[in-house]
Amino acid sequence: MKAKKASEALKLAQIPNVGKSIAQDLINIGIKKPEQLIGKDPIALYHKLERVMGERHDPCVCDTLMAAVEFMEGGKVKPWWDFTAKRKKLLKN
């Protein structure tokens, strides 16, 4: 069951927009608990994931990381695609 607020997310996969695959990606880069996302830069996490995995990831993974970090920092539940425009602007610079 997905968390409705950050304090309810006890496992990574309980964070809205995070499924088994993204949860495993986060574990692969050292994020094992939802609260570890607080204060993290999702763009840096995305680039770290690419380095660790040795392959380019779909940019929507970055959007998902942005949604997850914002949620864990107290933001409202939003679909990952709400972050696409912001990600495009950030990665352009």
PDB file of N, CA and C in Angstrom:
ATOM      1  N   MET A   1       0.832  -1.181   0.000  1.00  0.00           N
ATOM      2  CA  MET A   1       0.000   0.000   0.000  1.00  0.00           C
ATOM      3  C   MET A   1       0.888   1.259   0.000  1.00  0.00           C
ATOM      4  N   LYS A   2       0.538   2.203  -0.828  1.00  0.00           N
ATOM      5  CA  LYS A   2       1.313   3.438  -0.938  1.00  0.00           C
ATOM      6  C   LYS A   2       0.997   4.383   0.224  1.00  0.00           C
ATOM      7  N   ALA A   3       2.022   5.068   0.670  1.00  0.00           N
ATOM      8  CA  ALA A   3       1.875   6.035   1.756  1.00  0.00           C
ATOM      9  C   ALA A   3       1.134   7.274   1.258  1.00  0.00           C
ATOM     10  N   LYS A   4       0.373   7.868   2.138  1.00  0.00           N
ATOM     11  CA  LYS A   4      -0.318   9.121   1.829  1.00  0.00           C
ATOM     12  C   LYS A   4       0.476  10.316   2.352  1.00  0.00           C
ATOM     13  N   LYS A   5       1.377  10.040   3.300  1.00  0.00           N
ATOM     14  CA  LYS A   5       2.284  11.067   3.806  1.00  0.00           C
ATOM     15  C   LYS A   5       3.619  10.387   4.120  1.00  0.00           C
ATOM     16  N   ALA A   6       4.662  11.169   4.155  1.00  0.00           N
ATOM     17  CA  ALA A   6       6.025  10.634   4.278  1.00  0.00           C
ATOM     18  C   ALA A   6       6.203   9.716   5.488  1.00  0.00           C
ATOM     19  N   SER A   7       5.614  10.070   6.603  1.00  0.00           N
ATOM     20  CA  SER A   7       5.795   9.266   7.820  1.00  0.00           C
ATOM     21  C   SER A   7       5.218   7.863   7.698  1.00  0.00           C
ATOM     22  N   GLU A   8       4.354   7.644   6.724  1.00  0.00           N
ATOM     23  CA  GLU A   8       3.761   6.314   6.507  1.00  0.00           C
ATOM     24  C   GLU A   8       4.636   5.423   5.629  1.00  0.00           C
ATOM     25  N   ALA A   9       5.622   5.982   4.975  1.00  0.00           N
ATOM     26  CA  ALA A   9       6.495   5.216   4.073  1.00  0.00           C
ATOM     27  C   ALA A   9       7.585   4.529   4.886  1.00  0.00           C
ATOM     28  N   LEU A  10       7.377   3.264   5.173  1.00  0.00           N
ATOM     29  CA  LEU A  10       8.348   2.492   5.943  1.00  0.00           C
ATOM     30  C   LEU A  10       9.306   1.720   5.038  1.00  0.00           C
ATOM     31  N   LYS A  11       8.876   1.482   3.806  1.00  0.00           N
ATOM     32  CA  LYS A  11       9.692   0.799   2.800  1.00  0.00           C
ATOM     33  C   LYS A  11       9.725   1.670   1.548  1.00  0.00           C
ATOM     34  N   LEU A  12      10.782   1.536   0.771  1.00  0.00           N
ATOM     35  CA  LEU A  12      10.929   2.358  -0.433  1.00  0.00           C
ATOM     36  C   LEU A  12       9.737   2.218  -1.370  1.00  0.00           C
ATOM     37  N   ALA A  13       9.247   1.009  -1.561  1.00  0.00           N
ATOM     38  CA  ALA A  13       8.148   0.772  -2.492  1.00  0.00           C
ATOM     39  C   ALA A  13       6.822   1.350  -2.004  1.00  0.00           C
ATOM     40  N   GLN A  14       6.774   1.850  -0.791  1.00  0.00           N
ATOM     41  CA  GLN A  14       5.560   2.499  -0.287  1.00  0.00           C
ATOM     42  C   GLN A  14       5.504   3.976  -0.666  1.00  0.00           C
ATOM     43  N   ILE A  15       6.600   4.498  -1.191  1.00  0.00           N
ATOM     44  CA  ILE A  15       6.625   5.887  -1.651  1.00  0.00           C
ATOM     45  C   ILE A  15       5.836   5.950  -2.965  1.00  0.00           C
ATOM     46  N   PRO A  16       4.904   6.891  -3.093  1.00  0.00           N
ATOM     47  CA  PRO A  16       4.177   7.022  -4.353  1.00  0.00           C
ATOM     48  C   PRO A  16       5.138   7.141  -5.543  1.00  0.00           C
ATOM     49  N   ASN A  17       4.810   6.494  -6.629  1.00  0.00           N
ATOM     50  CA  ASN A  17       5.582   6.456  -7.880  1.00  0.00           C
ATOM     51  C   ASN A  17       6.756   5.478  -7.840  1.00  0.00           C
ATOM     52  N   VAL A  18       7.108   4.959  -6.691  1.00  0.00           N
ATOM     53  CA  VAL A  18       8.240   4.037  -6.579  1.00  0.00           C
ATOM     54  C   VAL A  18       7.714   2.603  -6.548  1.00  0.00           C
ATOM     55  N   GLY A  19       8.127   1.851  -7.554  1.00  0.00           N
ATOM     56  CA  GLY A  19       7.780   0.434  -7.608  1.00  0.00           C
ATOM     57  C   GLY A  19       8.993  -0.412  -7.246  1.00  0.00           C
ATOM     58  N   LYS A  20       8.895  -1.698  -7.506  1.00  0.00           N
ATOM     59  CA  LYS A  20       9.986  -2.614  -7.156  1.00  0.00           C
ATOM     60  C   LYS A  20      11.288  -2.264  -7.869  1.00  0.00           C
ATOM     61  N   SER A  21      11.198  -1.904  -9.129  1.00  0.00           N
ATOM     62  CA  SER A  21      12.397  -1.614  -9.921  1.00  0.00           C
ATOM     63  C   SER A  21      13.125  -0.361  -9.407  1.00  0.00           C
ATOM     64  N   ILE A  22      12.385   0.716  -9.200  1.00  0.00           N
ATOM     65  CA  ILE A  22      13.009   1.946  -8.698  1.00  0.00           C
ATOM     66  C   ILE A  22      13.512   1.733  -7.273  1.00  0.00           C
ATOM     67  N   ALA A  23      12.760   0.981  -6.478  1.00  0.00           N
ATOM     68  CA  ALA A  23      13.214   0.677  -5.108  1.00  0.00           C
ATOM     69  C   ALA A  23      14.559  -0.046  -5.162  1.00  0.00           C
ATOM     70  N   GLN A  24      14.699  -1.000  -6.076  1.00  0.00           N
ATOM     71  CA  GLN A  24      15.970  -1.720  -6.202  1.00  0.00           C
ATOM     72  C   GLN A  24      17.069  -0.796  -6.703  1.00  0.00           C
ATOM     73  N   ASP A  25      16.738   0.094  -7.625  1.00  0.00           N
ATOM     74  CA  ASP A  25      17.720   1.082  -8.091  1.00  0.00           C
ATOM     75  C   ASP A  25      18.226   1.927  -6.921  1.00  0.00           C
ATOM     76  N   LEU A  26      17.312   2.349  -6.063  1.00  0.00           N
ATOM     77  CA  LEU A  26      17.714   3.155  -4.903  1.00  0.00           C
ATOM     78  C   LEU A  26      18.620   2.352  -3.970  1.00  0.00           C
ATOM     79  N   ILE A  27      18.283   1.113  -3.741  1.00  0.00           N
ATOM     80  CA  ILE A  27      19.134   0.246  -2.908  1.00  0.00           C
ATOM     81  C   ILE A  27      20.520   0.128  -3.523  1.00  0.00           C
ATOM     82  N   ASN A  28      20.574   0.004  -4.843  1.00  0.00           N
ATOM     83  CA  ASN A  28      21.859  -0.131  -5.546  1.00  0.00           C
ATOM     84  C   ASN A  28      22.762   1.089  -5.372  1.00  0.00           C
ATOM     85  N   ILE A  29      22.164   2.243  -5.063  1.00  0.00           N
ATOM     86  CA  ILE A  29      22.990   3.446  -4.856  1.00  0.00           C
ATOM     87  C   ILE A  29      23.051   3.841  -3.378  1.00  0.00           C
ATOM     88  N   GLY A  30      22.677   2.915  -2.506  1.00  0.00           N
ATOM     89  CA  GLY A  30      22.871   3.127  -1.075  1.00  0.00           C
ATOM     90  C   GLY A  30      21.700   3.692  -0.300  1.00  0.00           C
ATOM     91  N   ILE A  31      20.577   3.881  -0.954  1.00  0.00           N
ATOM     92  CA  ILE A  31      19.375   4.376  -0.273  1.00  0.00           C
ATOM     93  C   ILE A  31      18.554   3.144   0.115  1.00  0.00           C
ATOM     94  N   LYS A  32      18.514   2.843   1.392  1.00  0.00           N
ATOM     95  CA  LYS A  32      17.828   1.640   1.835  1.00  0.00           C
ATOM     96  C   LYS A  32      16.518   1.922   2.575  1.00  0.00           C
ATOM     97  N   LYS A  33      16.361   3.153   3.045  1.00  0.00           N
ATOM     98  CA  LYS A  33      15.151   3.543   3.787  1.00  0.00           C
ATOM     99  C   LYS A  33      14.592   4.835   3.197  1.00  0.00           C
ATOM    100  N   PRO A  34      13.276   4.973   3.188  1.00  0.00           N
ATOM    101  CA  PRO A  34      12.678   6.179   2.606  1.00  0.00           C
ATOM    102  C   PRO A  34      13.228   7.486   3.169  1.00  0.00           C
ATOM    103  N   GLU A  35      13.454   7.534   4.469  1.00  0.00           N
ATOM    104  CA  GLU A  35      13.913   8.795   5.073  1.00  0.00           C
ATOM    105  C   GLU A  35      15.300   9.215   4.586  1.00  0.00           C
ATOM    106  N   GLN A  36      16.048   8.294   3.986  1.00  0.00           N
ATOM    107  CA  GLN A  36      17.364   8.645   3.445  1.00  0.00           C
ATOM    108  C   GLN A  36      17.258   9.551   2.219  1.00  0.00           C
ATOM    109  N   LEU A  37      16.071   9.672   1.652  1.00  0.00           N
ATOM    110  CA  LEU A  37      15.880  10.562   0.502  1.00  0.00           C
ATOM    111  C   LEU A  37      15.781  12.027   0.913  1.00  0.00           C
ATOM    112  N   ILE A  38      15.485  12.277   2.171  1.00  0.00           N
ATOM    113  CA  ILE A  38      15.313  13.652   2.645  1.00  0.00           C
ATOM    114  C   ILE A  38      16.637  14.408   2.497  1.00  0.00           C
ATOM    115  N   GLY A  39      16.547  15.546   1.827  1.00  0.00           N
ATOM    116  CA  GLY A  39      17.720  16.389   1.626  1.00  0.00           C
ATOM    117  C   GLY A  39      18.608  15.989   0.458  1.00  0.00           C
ATOM    118  N   LYS A  40      18.245  14.925  -0.242  1.00  0.00           N
ATOM    119  CA  LYS A  40      19.049  14.483  -1.384  1.00  0.00           C
ATOM    120  C   LYS A  40      18.694  15.284  -2.633  1.00  0.00           C
ATOM    121  N   ASP A  41      19.661  15.415  -3.518  1.00  0.00           N
ATOM    122  CA  ASP A  41      19.459  16.049  -4.822  1.00  0.00           C
ATOM    123  C   ASP A  41      19.049  14.954  -5.800  1.00  0.00           C
ATOM    124  N   PRO A  42      17.807  14.961  -6.279  1.00  0.00           N
ATOM    125  CA  PRO A  42      17.360  13.884  -7.168  1.00  0.00           C
ATOM    126  C   PRO A  42      18.141  13.802  -8.485  1.00  0.00           C
ATOM    127  N   ILE A  43      18.631  14.940  -8.971  1.00  0.00           N
ATOM    128  CA  ILE A  43      19.442  14.936 -10.200  1.00  0.00           C
ATOM    129  C   ILE A  43      20.753  14.204  -9.930  1.00  0.00           C
ATOM    130  N   ALA A  44      21.364  14.462  -8.792  1.00  0.00           N
ATOM    131  CA  ALA A  44      22.606  13.764  -8.420  1.00  0.00           C
ATOM    132  C   ALA A  44      22.344  12.272  -8.231  1.00  0.00           C
ATOM    133  N   LEU A  45      21.213  11.924  -7.647  1.00  0.00           N
ATOM    134  CA  LEU A  45      20.864  10.505  -7.491  1.00  0.00           C
ATOM    135  C   LEU A  45      20.718   9.836  -8.855  1.00  0.00           C
ATOM    136  N   TYR A  46      20.091  10.521  -9.782  1.00  0.00           N
ATOM    137  CA  TYR A  46      19.904  10.007 -11.141  1.00  0.00           C
ATOM    138  C   TYR A  46      21.254   9.752 -11.812  1.00  0.00           C
ATOM    139  N   HIS A  47      22.152  10.705 -11.720  1.00  0.00           N
ATOM    140  CA  HIS A  47      23.477  10.543 -12.330  1.00  0.00           C
ATOM    141  C   HIS A  47      24.276   9.442 -11.624  1.00  0.00           C
ATOM    142  N   LYS A  48      24.145   9.346 -10.313  1.00  0.00           N
ATOM    143  CA  LYS A  48      24.825   8.282  -9.568  1.00  0.00           C
ATOM    144  C   LYS A  48      24.302   6.917 -10.000  1.00  0.00           C
ATOM    145  N   LEU A  49      23.006   6.819 -10.180  1.00  0.00           N
ATOM    146  CA  LEU A  49      22.402   5.570 -10.633  1.00  0.00           C
ATOM    147  C   LEU A  49      22.969   5.161 -11.990  1.00  0.00           C
ATOM    148  N   GLU A  50      23.101   6.119 -12.887  1.00  0.00           N
ATOM    149  CA  GLU A  50      23.665   5.822 -14.204  1.00  0.00           C
ATOM    150  C   GLU A  50      25.120   5.358 -14.088  1.00  0.00           C
ATOM    151  N   ARG A  51      25.890   6.006 -13.217  1.00  0.00           N
ATOM    152  CA  ARG A  51      27.298   5.599 -13.041  1.00  0.00           C
ATOM    153  C   ARG A  51      27.390   4.195 -12.459  1.00  0.00           C
ATOM    154  N   VAL A  52      26.628   3.940 -11.413  1.00  0.00           N
ATOM    155  CA  VAL A  52      26.686   2.642 -10.731  1.00  0.00           C
ATOM    156  C   VAL A  52      26.211   1.511 -11.652  1.00  0.00           C
ATOM    157  N   MET A  53      25.150   1.760 -12.393  1.00  0.00           N
ATOM    158  CA  MET A  53      24.587   0.728 -13.267  1.00  0.00           C
ATOM    159  C   MET A  53      25.344   0.629 -14.599  1.00  0.00           C
ATOM    160  N   GLY A  54      26.125   1.659 -14.926  1.00  0.00           N
ATOM    161  CA  GLY A  54      26.902   1.631 -16.158  1.00  0.00           C
ATOM    162  C   GLY A  54      26.080   1.786 -17.414  1.00  0.00           C
ATOM    163  N   GLU A  55      24.913   2.406 -17.279  1.00  0.00           N
ATOM    164  CA  GLU A  55      24.065   2.606 -18.457  1.00  0.00           C
ATOM    165  C   GLU A  55      23.198   3.839 -18.277  1.00  0.00           C
ATOM    166  N   ARG A  56      22.773   4.385 -19.408  1.00  0.00           N
ATOM    167  CA  ARG A  56      21.883   5.547 -19.386  1.00  0.00           C
ATOM    168  C   ARG A  56      20.483   5.075 -19.001  1.00  0.00           C
ATOM    169  N   HIS A  57      19.817   5.847 -18.178  1.00  0.00           N
ATOM    170  CA  HIS A  57      18.449   5.535 -17.776  1.00  0.00           C
ATOM    171  C   HIS A  57      17.480   6.505 -18.440  1.00  0.00           C
ATOM    172  N   ASP A  58      16.274   6.046 -18.629  1.00  0.00           N
ATOM    173  CA  ASP A  58      15.220   6.884 -19.171  1.00  0.00           C
ATOM    174  C   ASP A  58      15.068   8.109 -18.270  1.00  0.00           C
ATOM    175  N   PRO A  59      14.919   9.294 -18.833  1.00  0.00           N
ATOM    176  CA  PRO A  59      14.759  10.499 -18.015  1.00  0.00           C
ATOM    177  C   PRO A  59      13.557  10.449 -17.071  1.00  0.00           C
ATOM    178  N   CYS A  60      12.558   9.618 -17.372  1.00  0.00           N
ATOM    179  CA  CYS A  60      11.411   9.541 -16.459  1.00  0.00           C
ATOM    180  C   CYS A  60      11.820   8.964 -15.103  1.00  0.00           C
ATOM    181  N   VAL A  61      12.947   8.258 -15.051  1.00  0.00           N
ATOM    182  CA  VAL A  61      13.476   7.787 -13.773  1.00  0.00           C
ATOM    183  C   VAL A  61      13.867   8.993 -12.920  1.00  0.00           C
ATOM    184  N   CYS A  62      14.435   9.999 -13.542  1.00  0.00           N
ATOM    185  CA  CYS A  62      14.794  11.231 -12.832  1.00  0.00           C
ATOM    186  C   CYS A  62      13.535  11.915 -12.304  1.00  0.00           C
ATOM    187  N   ASP A  63      12.490  11.955 -13.127  1.00  0.00           N
ATOM    188  CA  ASP A  63      11.219  12.544 -12.694  1.00  0.00           C
ATOM    189  C   ASP A  63      10.694  11.803 -11.469  1.00  0.00           C
ATOM    190  N   THR A  64      10.806  10.492 -11.487  1.00  0.00           N
ATOM    191  CA  THR A  64      10.342   9.665 -10.370  1.00  0.00           C
ATOM    192  C   THR A  64      11.146   9.951  -9.110  1.00  0.00           C
ATOM    193  N   LEU A  65      12.440  10.105  -9.259  1.00  0.00           N
ATOM    194  CA  LEU A  65      13.285  10.432  -8.111  1.00  0.00           C
ATOM    195  C   LEU A  65      12.935  11.810  -7.551  1.00  0.00           C
ATOM    196  N   MET A  66      12.641  12.745  -8.435  1.00  0.00           N
ATOM    197  CA  MET A  66      12.238  14.080  -7.994  1.00  0.00           C
ATOM    198  C   MET A  66      10.928  14.007  -7.197  1.00  0.00           C
ATOM    199  N   ALA A  67       9.992  13.220  -7.690  1.00  0.00           N
ATOM    200  CA  ALA A  67       8.712  13.055  -6.998  1.00  0.00           C
ATOM    201  C   ALA A  67       8.915  12.399  -5.639  1.00  0.00           C
ATOM    202  N   ALA A  68       9.778  11.395  -5.588  1.00  0.00           N
ATOM    203  CA  ALA A  68      10.017  10.664  -4.342  1.00  0.00           C
ATOM    204  C   ALA A  68      10.679  11.552  -3.292  1.00  0.00           C
ATOM    205  N   VAL A  69      11.687  12.314  -3.700  1.00  0.00           N
ATOM    206  CA  VAL A  69      12.376  13.201  -2.753  1.00  0.00           C
ATOM    207  C   VAL A  69      11.414  14.263  -2.239  1.00  0.00           C
ATOM    208  N   GLU A  70      10.675  14.886  -3.143  1.00  0.00           N
ATOM    209  CA  GLU A  70       9.737  15.926  -2.712  1.00  0.00           C
ATOM    210  C   GLU A  70       8.696  15.359  -1.737  1.00  0.00           C
ATOM    211  N   PHE A  71       8.176  14.171  -2.034  1.00  0.00           N
ATOM    212  CA  PHE A  71       7.201  13.542  -1.144  1.00  0.00           C
ATOM    213  C   PHE A  71       7.808  13.292   0.230  1.00  0.00           C
ATOM    214  N   MET A  72       9.006  12.730   0.260  1.00  0.00           N
ATOM    215  CA  MET A  72       9.636  12.412   1.548  1.00  0.00           C
ATOM    216  C   MET A  72      10.000  13.674   2.329  1.00  0.00           C
ATOM    217  N   GLU A  73      10.112  14.792   1.642  1.00  0.00           N
ATOM    218  CA  GLU A  73      10.382  16.067   2.311  1.00  0.00           C
ATOM    219  C   GLU A  73       9.097  16.783   2.712  1.00  0.00           C
ATOM    220  N   GLY A  74       7.968  16.071   2.628  1.00  0.00           N
ATOM    221  CA  GLY A  74       6.700  16.616   3.091  1.00  0.00           C
ATOM    222  C   GLY A  74       5.763  17.105   2.008  1.00  0.00           C
ATOM    223  N   GLY A  75       6.146  16.904   0.757  1.00  0.00           N
ATOM    224  CA  GLY A  75       5.289  17.346  -0.341  1.00  0.00           C
ATOM    225  C   GLY A  75       4.075  16.445  -0.524  1.00  0.00           C
ATOM    226  N   LYS A  76       3.148  16.934  -1.317  1.00  0.00           N
ATOM    227  CA  LYS A  76       1.938  16.177  -1.622  1.00  0.00           C
ATOM    228  C   LYS A  76       2.255  15.068  -2.632  1.00  0.00           C
ATOM    229  N   VAL A  77       1.399  14.077  -2.665  1.00  0.00           N
ATOM    230  CA  VAL A  77       1.517  13.019  -3.666  1.00  0.00           C
ATOM    231  C   VAL A  77       1.231  13.636  -5.034  1.00  0.00           C
ATOM    232  N   LYS A  78       2.191  13.496  -5.947  1.00  0.00           N
ATOM    233  CA  LYS A  78       2.029  13.972  -7.325  1.00  0.00           C
ATOM    234  C   LYS A  78       2.512  12.870  -8.258  1.00  0.00           C
ATOM    235  N   PRO A  79       1.926  12.757  -9.434  1.00  0.00           N
ATOM    236  CA  PRO A  79       2.446  11.786 -10.397  1.00  0.00           C
ATOM    237  C   PRO A  79       3.832  12.223 -10.887  1.00  0.00           C
ATOM    238  N   TRP A  80       4.666  11.250 -11.223  1.00  0.00           N
ATOM    239  CA  TRP A  80       6.039  11.561 -11.620  1.00  0.00           C
ATOM    240  C   TRP A  80       6.092  12.520 -12.799  1.00  0.00           C
ATOM    241  N   TRP A  81       5.127  12.441 -13.709  1.00  0.00           N
ATOM    242  CA  TRP A  81       5.174  13.289 -14.910  1.00  0.00           C
ATOM    243  C   TRP A  81       4.945  14.762 -14.603  1.00  0.00           C
ATOM    244  N   ASP A  82       4.494  15.078 -13.408  1.00  0.00           N
ATOM    245  CA  ASP A  82       4.400  16.487 -13.021  1.00  0.00           C
ATOM    246  C   ASP A  82       5.785  17.135 -12.892  1.00  0.00           C
ATOM    247  N   PHE A  83       6.824  16.323 -12.848  1.00  0.00           N
ATOM    248  CA  PHE A  83       8.183  16.824 -12.665  1.00  0.00           C
ATOM    249  C   PHE A  83       8.970  16.903 -13.973  1.00  0.00           C
ATOM    250  N   THR A  84       8.360  16.489 -15.082  1.00  0.00           N
ATOM    251  CA  THR A  84       9.075  16.439 -16.361  1.00  0.00           C
ATOM    252  C   THR A  84       9.590  17.808 -16.796  1.00  0.00           C
ATOM    253  N   ALA A  85       8.751  18.822 -16.759  1.00  0.00           N
ATOM    254  CA  ALA A  85       9.176  20.160 -17.202  1.00  0.00           C
ATOM    255  C   ALA A  85      10.310  20.691 -16.322  1.00  0.00           C
ATOM    256  N   LYS A  86      10.202  20.489 -15.023  1.00  0.00           N
ATOM    257  CA  LYS A  86      11.253  20.948 -14.107  1.00  0.00           C
ATOM    258  C   LYS A  86      12.565  20.220 -14.387  1.00  0.00           C
ATOM    259  N   ARG A  87      12.483  18.899 -14.601  1.00  0.00           N
ATOM    260  CA  ARG A  87      13.680  18.112 -14.898  1.00  0.00           C
ATOM    261  C   ARG A  87      14.330  18.580 -16.194  1.00  0.00           C
ATOM    262  N   LYS A  88      13.518  18.812 -17.226  1.00  0.00           N
ATOM    263  CA  LYS A  88      14.066  19.265 -18.506  1.00  0.00           C
ATOM    264  C   LYS A  88      14.807  20.596 -18.341  1.00  0.00           C
ATOM    265  N   LYS A  89      14.236  21.478 -17.555  1.00  0.00           N
ATOM    266  CA  LYS A  89      14.878  22.774 -17.306  1.00  0.00           C
ATOM    267  C   LYS A  89      16.183  22.598 -16.537  1.00  0.00           C
ATOM    268  N   LEU A  90      16.168  21.769 -15.507  1.00  0.00           N
ATOM    269  CA  LEU A  90      17.371  21.540 -14.685  1.00  0.00           C
ATOM    270  C   LEU A  90      18.485  20.850 -15.466  1.00  0.00           C
ATOM    271  N   LEU A  91      18.131  19.858 -16.262  1.00  0.00           N
ATOM    272  CA  LEU A  91      19.159  19.118 -17.015  1.00  0.00           C
ATOM    273  C   LEU A  91      19.679  19.910 -18.207  1.00  0.00           C
ATOM    274  N   LYS A  92      18.919  20.889 -18.643  1.00  0.00           N
ATOM    275  CA  LYS A  92      19.369  21.753 -19.747  1.00  0.00           C
ATOM    276  C   LYS A  92      20.506  22.652 -19.286  1.00  0.00           C
ATOM    277  N   ASN A  93      20.454  23.058 -18.015  1.00  0.00           N
ATOM    278  CA  ASN A  93      21.453  23.996 -17.474  1.00  0.00           C
ATOM    279  C   ASN A  93      22.689  23.317 -17.035  1.00  0.00           C
TER     280      ASN A  93
END
